[in-house]
Structure formats: structure tokens, C-alpha cells
C-alpha atoms as a PDB file:
ATOM      1  CA  MET A   1     127.505  81.012  87.065  1.00  0.00           C
ATOM      2  CA  LEU A   2     125.325  83.159  89.322  1.00  0.00           C
ATOM      3  CA  HIS A   3     127.047  86.246  87.691  1.00  0.00           C
ATOM      4  CA  TYR A   4     125.861  85.000  84.226  1.00  0.00           C
ATOM      5  CA  ALA A   5     122.342  84.512  85.522  1.00  0.00           C
ATOM      6  CA  VAL A   6     122.315  88.203  86.753  1.00  0.00           C
ATOM      7  CA  VAL A   7     123.730  89.415  83.388  1.00  0.00           C
ATOM      8  CA  PHE A   8     121.060  87.512  81.533  1.00  0.00           C
ATOM      9  CA  PHE A   9     118.360  88.796  83.754  1.00  0.00           C
ATOM     10  CA  ILE A  10     119.706  92.556  83.383  1.00  0.00           C
ATOM     11  CA  ILE A  11     119.514  92.031  79.627  1.00  0.00           C
ATOM     12  CA  ALA A  12     115.877  90.744  79.803  1.00  0.00           C
ATOM     13  CA  LEU A  13     114.995  93.775  81.713  1.00  0.00           C
ATOM     14  CA  VAL A  14     116.550  96.165  79.413  1.00  0.00           C
ATOM     15  CA  ALA A  15     115.168  94.113  76.295  1.00  0.00           C
ATOM     16  CA  ALA A  16     111.570  94.335  77.962  1.00  0.00           C
ATOM     17  CA  LEU A  17     112.071  98.083  78.557  1.00  0.00           C
ATOM     18  CA  PHE A  18     112.689  98.823  75.035  1.00  0.00           C
ATOM     19  CA  GLY A  19     109.887  96.528  73.651  1.00  0.00           C
ATOM     20  CA  PHE A  20     111.934  93.519  72.546  1.00  0.00           C
ATOM     21  CA  GLY A  21     109.467  90.876  73.849  1.00  0.00           C
ATOM     22  CA  GLY A  22     111.139  87.906  72.177  1.00  0.00           C
ATOM     23  CA  ILE A  23     114.681  88.744  73.249  1.00  0.00           C
ATOM     24  CA  ALA A  24     113.493  89.453  76.709  1.00  0.00           C
ATOM     25  CA  ALA A  25     111.753  86.178  76.973  1.00  0.00           C
ATOM     26  CA  GLY A  26     114.751  84.376  75.729  1.00  0.00           C
ATOM     27  CA  ALA A  27     117.127  86.081  78.165  1.00  0.00           C
ATOM     28  CA  ALA A  28     114.905  85.730  81.115  1.00  0.00           C
ATOM     29  CA  GLY A  29     114.735  81.712  80.162  1.00  0.00           C
ATOM     30  CA  ILE A  30     118.438  81.633  79.960  1.00  0.00           C
ATOM     31  CA  ALA A  31     118.790  83.403  83.379  1.00  0.00           C
ATOM     32  CA  LYS A  32     116.311  80.974  85.070  1.00  0.00           C
ATOM     33  CA  ILE A  33     118.108  77.870  83.670  1.00  0.00           C
ATOM     34  CA  LEU A  34     121.423  79.329  84.788  1.00  0.00           C
ATOM     35  CA  PHE A  35     120.012  80.200  88.308  1.00  0.00           C
ATOM     36  CA  VAL A  36     118.692  76.740  88.847  1.00  0.00           C
ATOM     37  CA  VAL A  37     122.043  75.053  87.719  1.00  0.00           C
ATOM     38  CA  PHE A  38     123.865  77.322  90.071  1.00  0.00           C
ATOM     39  CA  VAL A  39     121.560  76.466  93.008  1.00  0.00           C
ATOM     40  CA  VAL A  40     121.946  72.665  92.271  1.00  0.00           C
ATOM     41  CA  MET A  41     125.721  72.893  92.125  1.00  0.00           C
ATOM     42  CA  ALA A  42     125.821  74.931  95.302  1.00  0.00           C
ATOM     43  CA  LEU A  43     123.771  72.461  97.131  1.00  0.00           C
ATOM     44  CA  ILE A  44     125.952  69.499  95.839  1.00  0.00           C
ATOM     45  CA  SER A  45     129.127  71.239  96.897  1.00  0.00           C
ATOM     46  CA  PHE A  46     127.794  72.018 100.263  1.00  0.00           C
ATOM     47  CA  LEU A  47     126.587  68.555 100.798  1.00  0.00           C
ATOM     48  CA  LEU A  48     129.830  67.023  99.671  1.00  0.00           C
ATOM     49  CA  SER A  49     132.005  69.284 101.917  1.00  0.00           C
ATOM     50  CA  PHE A  50     129.653  68.618 104.820  1.00  0.00           C
ATOM     51  CA  ALA A  51     129.778  64.883 104.316  1.00  0.00           C
ATOM     52  CA  ARG A  52     133.916  64.878 104.165  1.00  0.00           C
ATOM     53  CA  LYS A  53     134.254  66.557 107.562  1.00  0.00           C
ATOM     54  CA  PRO A  54     134.924  63.954 110.070  1.00  0.00           C
END
């Protein structure tokens, strides 16, 4: 998940470099959403693994 967020962030940077504002904004938005999903899933996984240990 984090890999895809980084890929979309790089796509956004390249698109912005070449002047494609709409594509850059879309890719940046997707990267933000994927990063937030990754953080939420990582926190849930951490909390569940922490709660299962006796």
C-alpha cells in the first residue's frame, strides 16, 4: 500500500514538472488517500498485535 502511495506521488511530481496540473492533482490526491489508508491499517495491525500478546 505504501509502495503505491509513493508511486502515485512520483507520478504527481513528474506530471507537475511537465505542466500537467490536472493529472498531477489527481495523482497527488490518490497518493494522499493511499497513504492515509496505509497509516490506518498499520495502526490497526499494531494495536491488534499488541492486544493479542499475553
